[in-house]
Amino acid sequence: MKVLITLSGGLLQASYLDEEAAKIDLEIVVADYDVEGTDMNILTDPTGEPVIVWKENPLVESAYAEAMFKMADKESES
């Protein structure tokens, strides 16, 4: 089961699930502590820190994600 999270400049760009993760309806929950200037609802995490929390809608069956999963597999083998 694999999940790919893409970031750029510290911002979440997209999330991807492989087929196995999608079959079990794996959820991706994002906790963002960079809350300054946001218009989103700021919550308080269990340690008392301000945080924005949301469920991400992942992409499935992505050729890009599959290629990235393969890259990660090769990297871990070396």
Protein backbone atom coordinates (compact mmCIF):
# COMPACT_ATOMS: atom_id res chain seq x y z
CA MET A 1 0.00 0.00 0.00
CA LYS A 2 1.48 3.34 -1.02
CA VAL A 3 0.68 7.01 -0.56
CA LEU A 4 2.45 9.86 -2.37
CA ILE A 5 2.34 13.41 -1.02
CA THR A 6 3.75 16.17 -3.23
CA LEU A 7 4.95 19.45 -1.73
CA SER A 8 6.35 22.61 -3.25
CA GLY A 9 7.56 25.55 -1.20
CA GLY A 10 6.19 23.86 1.90
CA LEU A 11 2.67 23.72 0.43
CA LEU A 12 0.75 20.55 -0.24
CA GLN A 13 0.25 20.22 -3.97
CA ALA A 14 -1.47 16.83 -4.25
CA SER A 15 -1.87 13.40 -2.68
CA TYR A 16 -2.06 10.08 -4.47
CA LEU A 17 -3.04 6.56 -3.47
CA ASP A 18 -2.08 3.32 -5.15
CA GLU A 19 -4.84 0.85 -5.99
CA GLU A 20 -4.42 -1.10 -2.74
CA ALA A 21 -4.82 2.00 -0.57
CA ALA A 22 -7.80 3.16 -2.62
CA LYS A 23 -9.56 -0.20 -2.21
CA ILE A 24 -9.65 0.20 1.56
CA ASP A 25 -10.67 3.88 1.34
CA LEU A 26 -7.54 5.09 3.08
CA GLU A 27 -8.04 8.65 4.31
CA ILE A 28 -5.38 11.34 4.26
CA VAL A 29 -5.71 13.92 6.99
CA VAL A 30 -3.50 17.02 6.82
CA ALA A 31 -2.49 19.05 9.87
CA ASP A 32 -0.97 22.41 8.87
CA TYR A 33 0.66 24.47 11.61
CA ASP A 34 1.36 27.45 9.35
CA VAL A 35 -1.87 29.22 10.29
CA GLU A 36 -0.80 32.86 9.95
CA GLY A 37 -3.00 34.80 7.55
CA THR A 38 -5.39 31.94 6.83
CA ASP A 39 -9.11 32.33 6.37
CA MET A 40 -9.64 28.66 7.27
CA ASN A 41 -10.99 27.53 10.64
CA ILE A 42 -8.09 27.39 13.12
CA LEU A 43 -8.36 24.60 15.68
CA THR A 44 -6.24 23.65 18.68
CA ASP A 45 -4.30 20.38 18.55
CA PRO A 46 -4.00 18.03 21.56
CA THR A 47 -0.84 19.85 22.73
CA GLY A 48 -2.49 23.28 22.58
CA GLU A 49 -0.95 24.44 19.29
CA PRO A 50 -3.05 26.23 16.63
CA VAL A 51 -3.59 24.05 13.56
CA ILE A 52 -5.69 23.77 10.42
CA VAL A 53 -6.95 20.24 9.77
CA TRP A 54 -8.63 18.84 6.66
CA LYS A 55 -9.22 15.60 4.80
CA GLU A 56 -7.36 15.57 1.51
CA ASN A 57 -9.04 14.16 -1.61
CA PRO A 58 -6.35 11.91 -3.07
CA LEU A 59 -5.92 11.05 -6.72
CA VAL A 60 -6.00 7.39 -7.74
CA GLU A 61 -4.73 5.56 -10.82
CA SER A 62 -2.12 8.18 -11.66
CA ALA A 63 0.72 7.31 -14.04
CA TYR A 64 2.75 10.07 -12.37
CA ALA A 65 2.29 8.52 -8.91
CA GLU A 66 3.13 5.04 -10.19
CA ALA A 67 6.39 6.37 -11.67
CA MET A 68 7.20 8.10 -8.36
CA PHE A 69 6.46 4.89 -6.40
CA LYS A 70 8.93 3.04 -8.67
CA MET A 71 11.56 5.75 -8.13
CA ALA A 72 11.17 5.41 -4.37
CA ASP A 73 11.47 1.61 -4.60
CA LYS A 74 14.72 1.91 -6.59
CA GLU A 75 16.09 4.51 -4.17
CA SER A 76 15.40 2.30 -1.14
CA GLU A 77 17.22 -0.61 -2.82
CA SER A 78 20.47 1.36 -3.09
